[in-house]
């Protein structure tokens, strides 16, 4: 993916020396992104569109300029250093054009003196560390992870006293609730949420006064209207897995992984949908499940709980304490066996859990949530003591509710969830179909916890199996 030295951000990056590998952008969006003349260009949409490489190649066309520098931002340093992340990927390209890495400072230096640095903007105030800086090229990886204030603050540092015209490049995946969605709205179909392909790479001009942007068709027109402000050009280039032949050849199962995602994430990451949001009926539909009158033998069974401790009165509508009993068959199918819920005092909730455990039997593992803080730990410890004689695991929640529900949603949509017929069916179905916009999400949380207990067990089993294989290998050495 490289080409000849230039001071213009519109050209595709430079060819390395004759005895080194040649890197070129793939035809299509990647080439368009590398060739745009925009002051600010955003490359994004679906996963697998070659965003990381398109971004990493940007500074290489300027490596012959001694006064050139670039900085790549991720929100945290951990994200920069993650295996397979930006820093790791540079080692596949930068050494071929004479780059020398300095891991302590996360910086590459080239024989001419050109430098490329990798940094974070973890906190809002981190931008103050860059006061007075002059950076000809600023790159944001996963722009939606940054705040608008961070981005616009750093545009003031996008300056150059050398031969390289300053510019900004960014990549991202769709996020309907991010400030980026509003910034690139002109390039997105408001009805479908998908990029308008005919607008990909087209420039629009704007000026920014405070937090307001004014758009114009041309730079001269904006200069006449706002002579005291600097017009900038912006473009958006969408890409998807279909545009990345290199990835699909190297990893034929990548698409299958995206197809297996919950519906909302699948729309975002496979199709590049900028409008999709979790809504009632999107994450669960009772038509996805088969209601059965009997379940197969050999199920491993767990019950997940979501806890509340407020009785209902005439003036309140409190959350429920909900318990969902879920079984997994040897062939990997899931069976929802029971659902129950109660509004009661803490003592009433404790009796409810104890009675349910006695009814389920000691072979059913119990999964409890543990709220953060000392109070949450104390509550979890008290419930574990009250359920003595049963297998009980209390663990903190991780991620938001929609994310936690996603794996179960994907299994249900794939037809892998069956429901044992019972009087509770309609209540459970209706509650999950209303998630996440309904007033109460307790049933969805309990279902997520029951399902998550299986995933922890499956991951642990896989780890133990790998450990056994490693020990066996050592024994034969």
Protein backbone atom coordinates (compact mmCIF):
# COMPACT_ATOMS: atom_id res chain seq x y z
CA UNK A 1 0.00 0.00 0.00
CA UNK A 2 2.54 2.78 -0.75
CA UNK A 3 3.59 5.35 -3.56
CA UNK A 4 5.86 8.42 -4.19
CA UNK A 5 6.80 11.25 -1.79
CA UNK A 6 4.37 14.14 -1.77
CA UNK A 7 3.31 17.05 0.38
CA UNK A 8 -0.33 16.62 -0.63
CA UNK A 9 -2.65 14.51 1.52
CA UNK A 10 -4.53 13.53 -1.62
CA UNK A 11 -1.88 11.15 -2.94
CA UNK A 12 -1.53 7.49 -2.10
CA UNK A 13 1.54 6.71 0.10
CA UNK A 14 5.14 6.04 -1.14
CA UNK A 15 6.84 2.96 -2.53
CA UNK A 16 9.56 1.58 -0.27
CA UNK A 17 13.02 0.75 -1.48
CA UNK A 18 13.29 -1.68 -4.37
CA UNK A 19 14.35 -4.61 -2.20
CA UNK A 20 11.46 -4.22 0.22
CA UNK A 21 7.83 -5.44 0.01
CA UNK A 22 5.40 -3.11 -1.74
CA UNK A 23 2.22 -2.14 0.13
CA UNK A 24 -0.64 -0.67 -1.86
CA UNK A 25 -4.20 0.23 -0.89
CA UNK A 26 -6.90 -2.12 -2.05
CA UNK A 27 -9.05 -0.77 -4.85
CA UNK A 28 -12.21 0.93 -3.66
CA UNK A 29 -12.82 2.75 -0.38
CA UNK A 30 -9.29 2.25 0.97
CA UNK A 31 -7.75 3.94 -2.08
CA UNK A 32 -10.38 6.69 -1.96
CA UNK A 33 -9.63 7.39 1.70
CA UNK A 34 -5.88 7.54 1.10
CA UNK A 35 -6.31 9.80 -1.93
CA UNK A 36 -8.79 12.36 -0.58
CA UNK A 37 -7.79 16.01 -0.38
CA UNK A 38 -10.11 16.69 2.57
CA UNK A 39 -8.76 18.52 5.61
CA UNK A 40 -10.65 15.98 7.72
CA UNK A 41 -11.51 12.51 6.42
CA UNK A 42 -13.37 9.80 8.33
CA UNK A 43 -13.16 6.20 7.18
CA UNK A 44 -15.70 3.92 8.73
CA UNK A 45 -18.78 1.82 8.78
CA UNK A 46 -18.78 -1.93 8.99
CA UNK A 47 -16.10 -4.06 10.62
CA UNK A 48 -13.41 -5.57 8.44
CA UNK A 49 -13.16 -2.66 6.00
CA UNK A 50 -9.38 -2.31 6.35
CA UNK A 51 -9.59 0.79 8.53
CA UNK A 52 -6.48 0.20 10.64
CA UNK A 53 -4.15 -0.28 7.69
CA UNK A 54 -5.63 2.66 5.80
CA UNK A 55 -4.84 4.82 8.82
CA UNK A 56 -1.35 3.43 9.47
CA UNK A 57 -0.25 4.07 5.89
CA UNK A 58 -1.14 7.77 6.03
CA UNK A 59 2.16 9.11 7.49
CA UNK A 60 4.48 7.01 5.33
CA UNK A 61 4.14 9.23 2.30
CA UNK A 62 5.72 12.05 4.34
CA UNK A 63 8.58 10.10 5.90
CA UNK A 64 11.13 11.88 3.64
CA UNK A 65 10.36 15.22 5.34
CA UNK A 66 12.69 15.80 8.28
CA UNK A 67 10.25 18.15 10.02
CA UNK A 68 7.25 15.85 9.63
CA UNK A 69 5.50 14.34 12.63
CA UNK A 70 2.25 12.50 13.14
CA UNK A 71 0.37 11.30 16.17
CA UNK A 72 -2.13 8.44 16.41
CA UNK A 73 -4.67 8.60 19.20
CA UNK A 74 -6.64 5.83 20.91
CA UNK A 75 -8.74 6.65 23.93
CA UNK A 76 -6.46 4.67 26.29
CA UNK A 77 -2.85 3.47 26.20
CA UNK A 78 -4.06 -0.09 26.76
CA UNK A 79 -5.96 0.11 23.46
CA UNK A 80 -2.81 1.26 21.68
CA UNK A 81 -0.73 -1.61 23.08
CA UNK A 82 -3.34 -4.36 22.80
CA UNK A 83 -2.21 -7.43 20.79
CA UNK A 84 -3.22 -6.85 17.20
CA UNK A 85 -3.73 -3.14 17.90
CA UNK A 86 -2.15 -0.11 16.28
CA UNK A 87 1.33 -0.48 17.76
CA UNK A 88 1.53 -4.19 16.90
CA UNK A 89 0.37 -3.63 13.33
CA UNK A 90 3.04 -1.00 12.62
CA UNK A 91 5.73 -3.69 12.86
CA UNK A 92 4.37 -5.27 9.67
CA UNK A 93 5.01 -2.10 7.64
CA UNK A 94 7.16 0.58 9.23
CA UNK A 95 10.42 -1.43 9.38
CA UNK A 96 10.21 -2.01 5.62
CA UNK A 97 10.63 1.72 5.01
CA UNK A 98 13.43 2.31 7.50
CA UNK A 99 11.41 2.94 10.63
CA UNK A 100 13.01 2.35 14.03
CA UNK A 101 10.68 1.66 16.99
CA UNK A 102 11.07 3.19 20.44
CA UNK A 103 8.71 1.20 22.63
CA UNK A 104 9.21 3.30 25.77
CA UNK A 105 7.72 6.34 24.07
CA UNK A 106 5.53 4.47 21.54
CA UNK A 107 7.26 6.25 18.68
CA UNK A 108 8.71 5.38 15.27
CA UNK A 109 11.60 7.40 13.87
CA UNK A 110 12.73 7.39 10.26
CA UNK A 111 16.22 8.09 8.85
CA UNK A 112 15.24 11.61 7.76
CA UNK A 113 14.09 12.54 11.25
CA UNK A 114 10.37 12.13 10.56
CA UNK A 115 8.48 10.75 13.55
CA UNK A 116 5.21 8.95 14.19
CA UNK A 117 3.95 8.78 17.76
CA UNK A 118 1.13 6.79 19.41
CA UNK A 119 -0.69 8.33 22.35
CA UNK A 120 -3.95 8.40 24.32
CA UNK A 121 -6.58 10.96 25.32
CA UNK A 122 -8.02 9.03 28.23
CA UNK A 123 -9.45 12.05 30.06
CA UNK A 124 -10.95 15.30 28.84
CA UNK A 125 -8.08 17.25 30.37
CA UNK A 126 -5.47 15.11 28.59
CA UNK A 127 -5.77 17.45 25.61
CA UNK A 128 -4.01 20.08 27.75
CA UNK A 129 -0.83 18.02 27.42
CA UNK A 130 -0.80 19.04 23.75
CA UNK A 131 -1.03 22.80 24.24
CA UNK A 132 1.41 24.53 21.92
CA UNK A 133 2.02 21.39 19.86
CA UNK A 134 2.20 21.55 16.06
CA UNK A 135 1.28 18.23 14.49
CA UNK A 136 0.92 18.09 10.68
CA UNK A 137 -1.02 14.81 10.76
CA UNK A 138 -3.39 13.76 13.55
CA UNK A 139 -5.06 10.35 13.34
CA UNK A 140 -7.92 9.10 15.53
CA UNK A 141 -8.55 5.37 15.67
CA UNK A 142 -12.18 4.64 16.68
CA UNK A 143 -13.26 8.28 16.65
CA UNK A 144 -16.58 7.53 18.36
CA UNK A 145 -14.64 6.65 21.53
CA UNK A 146 -13.50 10.27 21.86
CA UNK A 147 -15.63 13.20 22.90
CA UNK A 148 -16.41 16.01 20.51
CA UNK A 149 -14.53 18.40 22.81
CA UNK A 150 -11.38 16.28 22.58
CA UNK A 151 -11.55 16.11 18.81
CA UNK A 152 -12.16 19.81 18.19
CA UNK A 153 -9.52 20.77 20.76
CA UNK A 154 -6.92 18.73 18.91
CA UNK A 155 -7.81 20.31 15.55
CA UNK A 156 -6.20 23.47 16.95
CA UNK A 157 -2.92 21.51 17.22
CA UNK A 158 -3.13 20.40 13.59
CA UNK A 159 -0.51 22.84 12.29
CA UNK A 160 2.68 22.71 10.25
CA UNK A 161 5.65 24.97 9.61
CA UNK A 162 7.18 22.54 7.12
CA UNK A 163 6.28 21.27 3.68
CA UNK A 164 3.34 19.09 4.69
CA UNK A 165 -0.11 20.59 4.58
CA UNK A 166 -1.77 19.72 7.93
CA UNK A 167 -4.70 17.29 7.88
CA UNK A 168 -6.68 14.90 10.07
CA UNK A 169 -7.71 11.30 9.47
CA UNK A 170 -10.00 9.11 11.56
CA UNK A 171 -11.64 5.70 11.54
CA UNK A 172 -14.71 4.39 13.36
CA UNK A 173 -17.57 1.91 13.46
CA UNK A 174 -21.19 3.14 13.47
CA UNK A 175 -22.66 4.48 16.69
CA UNK A 176 -26.10 6.05 16.35
CA UNK A 177 -25.77 7.95 19.62
CA UNK A 178 -22.31 9.42 19.05
CA UNK A 179 -21.48 12.97 18.04
CA UNK A 180 -19.79 11.52 14.94
CA UNK A 181 -23.17 10.31 13.63
CA UNK A 182 -24.40 13.90 13.57
CA UNK A 183 -21.14 15.16 12.02
CA UNK A 184 -21.37 12.81 9.01
CA UNK A 185 -25.18 12.86 8.69
CA UNK A 186 -25.02 14.22 5.10
CA UNK A 187 -23.29 11.03 3.93
CA UNK A 188 -25.87 8.72 5.61
CA UNK A 189 -29.34 7.77 4.36
CA UNK A 190 -31.71 8.95 7.13
CA UNK A 191 -34.19 6.14 6.40
CA UNK A 192 -31.91 3.11 6.16
CA UNK A 193 -28.96 4.28 8.26
CA UNK A 194 -26.60 3.06 5.54
CA UNK A 195 -24.01 5.20 3.77
CA UNK A 196 -25.01 6.82 0.50
CA UNK A 197 -22.37 5.31 -1.76
CA UNK A 198 -22.63 8.11 -4.32
CA UNK A 199 -21.49 10.58 -1.67
CA UNK A 200 -18.51 8.61 -0.39
CA UNK A 201 -15.41 10.78 -0.63
CA UNK A 202 -17.30 13.93 -1.64
CA UNK A 203 -16.06 17.05 0.12
CA UNK A 204 -18.20 19.47 2.12
CA UNK A 205 -16.91 22.72 3.55
CA UNK A 206 -17.70 24.17 6.97
CA UNK A 207 -16.67 26.83 9.43
CA UNK A 208 -16.92 26.44 13.16
CA UNK A 209 -17.94 29.22 15.51
CA UNK A 210 -17.94 27.96 19.08
CA UNK A 211 -19.93 24.73 19.08
CA UNK A 212 -21.83 25.59 15.89
CA UNK A 213 -20.95 24.54 12.34
CA UNK A 214 -22.03 26.33 9.21
CA UNK A 215 -21.84 24.36 5.97
CA UNK A 216 -21.14 25.72 2.52
CA UNK A 217 -20.79 24.34 -0.98
CA UNK A 218 -17.38 25.93 -1.59
CA UNK A 219 -14.48 27.32 0.38
CA UNK A 220 -14.62 30.80 -1.25
CA UNK A 221 -18.31 31.12 -0.44
CA UNK A 222 -17.70 30.43 3.23
CA UNK A 223 -14.74 32.80 3.31
CA UNK A 224 -16.91 35.60 1.93
CA UNK A 225 -19.66 34.88 4.45
CA UNK A 226 -17.35 34.30 7.44
CA UNK A 227 -14.10 36.19 6.67
CA UNK A 228 -12.81 35.81 10.23
CA UNK A 229 -13.16 31.99 10.30
CA UNK A 230 -11.11 29.26 8.63
CA UNK A 231 -13.11 26.99 6.31
CA UNK A 232 -12.27 23.28 6.48
CA UNK A 233 -13.27 20.44 4.21
CA UNK A 234 -14.71 17.19 5.51
CA UNK A 235 -15.49 13.88 3.89
CA UNK A 236 -16.66 10.42 4.87
CA UNK A 237 -15.71 7.19 3.12
CA UNK A 238 -17.68 4.09 4.06
CA UNK A 239 -16.25 0.59 3.86
CA UNK A 240 -17.35 -2.94 4.66
CA UNK A 241 -15.95 -6.45 4.73
CA UNK A 242 -16.91 -6.81 1.07
CA UNK A 243 -14.30 -4.13 0.28
CA UNK A 244 -11.48 -6.05 1.99
CA UNK A 245 -10.49 -8.98 -0.19
CA UNK A 246 -7.25 -9.43 1.76
CA UNK A 247 -9.08 -10.09 5.02
CA UNK A 248 -11.71 -12.39 3.55
CA UNK A 249 -8.95 -14.44 1.91
CA UNK A 250 -6.89 -14.61 5.10
CA UNK A 251 -9.86 -15.30 7.39
CA UNK A 252 -12.82 -16.87 5.54
CA UNK A 253 -14.71 -17.26 8.84
CA UNK A 254 -14.67 -13.54 9.64
CA UNK A 255 -18.07 -12.98 8.02
CA UNK A 256 -19.55 -15.93 9.89
CA UNK A 257 -18.45 -14.31 13.14
CA UNK A 258 -20.23 -11.09 12.22
CA UNK A 259 -23.33 -13.00 11.16
CA UNK A 260 -23.47 -14.63 14.59
CA UNK A 261 -23.66 -11.28 16.40
CA UNK A 262 -26.90 -10.08 18.01
CA UNK A 263 -29.10 -8.22 15.56
CA UNK A 264 -28.21 -4.65 16.54
CA UNK A 265 -24.47 -5.34 16.54
CA UNK A 266 -24.80 -7.30 13.30
CA UNK A 267 -26.50 -4.34 11.60
CA UNK A 268 -23.76 -2.01 12.83
CA UNK A 269 -20.68 -4.12 12.18
CA UNK A 270 -21.70 -6.17 9.14
CA UNK A 271 -23.86 -3.67 7.26
CA UNK A 272 -22.54 -0.36 8.61
CA UNK A 273 -25.89 0.90 9.91
CA UNK A 274 -25.59 4.32 11.59
CA UNK A 275 -29.23 4.51 12.70
CA UNK A 276 -29.80 1.14 14.37
CA UNK A 277 -30.49 1.25 18.10
CA UNK A 278 -31.70 -1.34 20.57
CA UNK A 279 -35.48 -1.14 20.54
CA UNK A 280 -38.45 -3.22 21.61
CA UNK A 281 -38.66 -6.34 19.46
CA UNK A 282 -35.19 -5.96 17.94
CA UNK A 283 -33.32 -7.97 20.57
CA UNK A 284 -35.96 -10.63 21.16
CA UNK A 285 -39.03 -12.00 19.43
CA UNK A 286 -41.09 -14.90 20.74
CA UNK A 287 -41.36 -16.24 17.20
CA UNK A 288 -37.65 -17.10 17.39
CA UNK A 289 -38.33 -19.69 20.09
CA UNK A 290 -40.07 -23.04 19.85
CA UNK A 291 -42.40 -23.82 22.75
CA UNK A 292 -42.01 -27.48 23.74
CA UNK A 293 -43.91 -29.82 26.06
CA UNK A 294 -40.87 -31.83 27.12
CA UNK A 295 -37.10 -31.33 27.31
CA UNK A 296 -34.32 -33.80 26.54
CA UNK A 297 -32.44 -35.70 29.20
CA UNK A 298 -28.94 -34.73 30.24
CA UNK A 299 -29.50 -30.98 30.63
CA UNK A 300 -27.07 -28.93 32.69
CA UNK A 301 -29.31 -26.47 34.53
CA UNK A 302 -28.66 -23.07 36.11
CA UNK A 303 -30.90 -20.36 37.50
CA UNK A 304 -29.98 -16.72 37.09
CA UNK A 305 -31.40 -14.02 39.36
CA UNK A 306 -31.90 -10.28 39.14
CA UNK A 307 -32.52 -8.84 42.59
CA UNK A 308 -34.77 -6.09 43.94
CA UNK A 309 -36.13 -5.55 47.42
CA UNK A 310 -39.05 -3.13 47.35
CA UNK A 311 -42.68 -4.22 47.75
CA UNK A 312 -45.30 -2.71 45.45
CA UNK A 313 -47.65 -0.04 46.82
CA UNK A 314 -50.42 2.05 45.27
CA UNK A 315 -47.94 4.82 44.44
CA UNK A 316 -44.86 3.00 43.17
CA UNK A 317 -43.91 0.58 40.42
CA UNK A 318 -40.68 -1.01 41.71
CA UNK A 319 -38.42 -3.49 40.00
CA UNK A 320 -38.97 -7.22 40.35
CA UNK A 321 -36.79 -9.93 41.80
CA UNK A 322 -36.69 -12.32 38.84
CA UNK A 323 -35.34 -15.84 38.44
CA UNK A 324 -34.91 -17.67 35.13
CA UNK A 325 -34.03 -21.37 35.05
CA UNK A 326 -32.12 -22.32 31.92
CA UNK A 327 -30.89 -25.70 30.73
CA UNK A 328 -28.25 -26.55 28.14
CA UNK A 329 -28.39 -29.84 26.26
CA UNK A 330 -25.30 -31.85 25.28
CA UNK A 331 -25.78 -30.72 21.66
CA UNK A 332 -25.65 -27.03 22.62
CA UNK A 333 -29.35 -26.11 22.58
CA UNK A 334 -30.84 -23.98 25.36
CA UNK A 335 -34.14 -24.63 27.16
CA UNK A 336 -35.90 -22.01 29.28
CA UNK A 337 -37.46 -24.19 31.98
CA UNK A 338 -39.00 -21.75 34.43
CA UNK A 339 -39.48 -18.06 35.16
CA UNK A 340 -40.74 -16.49 38.35
CA UNK A 341 -40.70 -13.06 39.93
CA UNK A 342 -41.69 -11.27 43.13
CA UNK A 343 -41.87 -7.83 44.67
CA UNK A 344 -41.08 -8.03 48.37
CA UNK A 345 -38.95 -6.78 51.25
CA UNK A 346 -35.34 -7.99 51.60
CA UNK A 347 -36.47 -10.71 54.00
CA UNK A 348 -39.22 -11.74 51.57
CA UNK A 349 -36.72 -11.90 48.70
CA UNK A 350 -34.37 -14.08 50.76
CA UNK A 351 -37.21 -16.54 51.53
CA UNK A 352 -38.22 -16.50 47.85
CA UNK A 353 -34.71 -17.46 46.74
CA UNK A 354 -34.42 -20.16 49.40
CA UNK A 355 -37.79 -21.72 48.53
CA UNK A 356 -37.01 -21.65 44.81
CA UNK A 357 -33.62 -23.29 45.40
CA UNK A 358 -35.28 -26.05 47.46
CA UNK A 359 -37.77 -26.63 44.65
CA UNK A 360 -35.08 -26.67 41.96
CA UNK A 361 -32.82 -29.03 43.89
CA UNK A 362 -29.09 -28.96 44.69
CA UNK A 363 -28.08 -29.94 41.14
CA UNK A 364 -29.18 -26.52 39.83
CA UNK A 365 -26.40 -23.93 40.11
CA UNK A 366 -27.53 -20.47 41.26
CA UNK A 367 -26.06 -17.32 39.66
CA UNK A 368 -26.48 -14.09 41.65
CA UNK A 369 -25.47 -10.53 40.75
CA UNK A 370 -23.16 -8.62 43.04
CA UNK A 371 -23.64 -4.88 43.04
CA UNK A 372 -20.49 -2.73 43.24
CA UNK A 373 -19.30 -1.45 46.57
CA UNK A 374 -19.25 -2.88 50.08
CA UNK A 375 -23.04 -3.00 50.39
CA UNK A 376 -23.25 -5.19 47.29
CA UNK A 377 -20.58 -7.54 48.62
CA UNK A 378 -22.37 -7.79 51.97
CA UNK A 379 -25.72 -8.56 50.33
CA UNK A 380 -24.17 -11.24 48.12
CA UNK A 381 -22.39 -12.82 51.09
CA UNK A 382 -25.64 -12.90 53.10
CA UNK A 383 -27.55 -14.58 50.28
CA UNK A 384 -24.81 -17.16 49.75
CA UNK A 385 -25.02 -18.02 53.46
CA UNK A 386 -28.82 -18.23 53.26
CA UNK A 387 -28.50 -20.67 50.37
CA UNK A 388 -26.09 -22.99 52.15
CA UNK A 389 -26.20 -26.46 50.66
CA UNK A 390 -26.57 -25.20 47.11
CA UNK A 391 -23.97 -24.21 44.53
CA UNK A 392 -24.13 -20.42 44.48
CA UNK A 393 -21.92 -18.00 42.57
CA UNK A 394 -22.20 -14.22 43.03
CA UNK A 395 -20.30 -12.12 40.49
CA UNK A 396 -20.28 -8.43 39.50
CA UNK A 397 -22.02 -7.33 36.33
CA UNK A 398 -19.79 -6.30 33.43
CA UNK A 399 -20.86 -4.16 30.49
CA UNK A 400 -24.22 -2.52 29.91
CA UNK A 401 -27.51 -4.44 30.00
CA UNK A 402 -27.92 -4.55 26.24
CA UNK A 403 -24.42 -5.93 25.76
CA UNK A 404 -25.00 -8.59 28.40
CA UNK A 405 -28.27 -9.64 26.76
CA UNK A 406 -26.69 -9.80 23.29
CA UNK A 407 -25.30 -13.38 23.40
CA UNK A 408 -28.66 -14.82 24.48
CA UNK A 409 -30.43 -12.71 21.84
CA UNK A 410 -28.14 -14.11 19.13
CA UNK A 411 -28.84 -17.69 20.21
CA UNK A 412 -32.58 -17.05 20.25
CA UNK A 413 -32.58 -15.47 16.79
CA UNK A 414 -30.62 -18.44 15.48
CA UNK A 415 -33.41 -20.78 16.68
CA UNK A 416 -31.25 -22.30 19.38
CA UNK A 417 -33.55 -21.42 22.32
CA UNK A 418 -36.59 -23.52 23.26
CA UNK A 419 -39.15 -22.71 25.93
CA UNK A 420 -40.91 -25.25 28.11
CA UNK A 421 -44.63 -24.63 27.99
CA UNK A 422 -45.97 -23.05 31.18
CA UNK A 423 -48.31 -20.42 32.62
CA UNK A 424 -45.33 -18.04 32.90
CA UNK A 425 -44.54 -18.06 29.16
CA UNK A 426 -46.50 -14.95 28.12
CA UNK A 427 -45.12 -12.83 30.96
CA UNK A 428 -41.54 -13.77 30.13
CA UNK A 429 -42.02 -13.38 26.37
CA UNK A 430 -43.66 -9.96 26.69
CA UNK A 431 -40.99 -8.69 29.08
CA UNK A 432 -38.11 -9.72 26.81
CA UNK A 433 -39.84 -8.33 23.71
CA UNK A 434 -40.11 -4.96 25.46
CA UNK A 435 -36.41 -4.86 26.33
CA UNK A 436 -34.59 -2.47 26.46
CA UNK A 437 -37.22 0.30 26.18
CA UNK A 438 -39.80 -1.05 28.64
CA UNK A 439 -40.02 0.31 32.18
CA UNK A 440 -38.56 -2.87 33.66
CA UNK A 441 -35.64 -4.97 32.43
CA UNK A 442 -35.42 -7.41 35.34
CA UNK A 443 -36.48 -10.49 33.33
CA UNK A 444 -33.92 -9.73 30.63
CA UNK A 445 -31.22 -9.26 33.28
CA UNK A 446 -32.07 -12.57 34.96
CA UNK A 447 -32.04 -14.32 31.59
CA UNK A 448 -28.67 -12.77 30.73
CA UNK A 449 -27.25 -13.93 34.04
CA UNK A 450 -28.46 -17.50 33.59
CA UNK A 451 -27.04 -17.61 30.07
CA UNK A 452 -23.80 -15.95 31.16
CA UNK A 453 -23.28 -18.64 33.81
CA UNK A 454 -23.05 -21.18 31.00
CA UNK A 455 -20.57 -19.11 29.03
CA UNK A 456 -18.27 -18.83 32.05
CA UNK A 457 -18.43 -22.58 32.48
CA UNK A 458 -17.77 -23.23 28.78
CA UNK A 459 -14.79 -20.85 28.75
CA UNK A 460 -13.41 -22.46 31.92
CA UNK A 461 -13.83 -25.93 30.42
CA UNK A 462 -11.97 -24.82 27.31
CA UNK A 463 -9.14 -23.41 29.39
CA UNK A 464 -8.87 -26.60 31.41
CA UNK A 465 -8.82 -28.68 28.24
CA UNK A 466 -5.97 -26.56 26.85
CA UNK A 467 -4.12 -26.90 30.15
CA UNK A 468 -4.48 -30.69 30.00
CA UNK A 469 -3.12 -30.69 26.44
CA UNK A 470 -0.15 -28.55 27.51
CA UNK A 471 0.61 -30.86 30.44
CA UNK A 472 0.34 -33.90 28.19
CA UNK A 473 2.77 -32.30 25.73
CA UNK A 474 5.22 -31.55 28.53
CA UNK A 475 4.97 -35.11 29.78
CA UNK A 476 6.01 -36.47 26.38
CA UNK A 477 8.94 -34.07 25.89
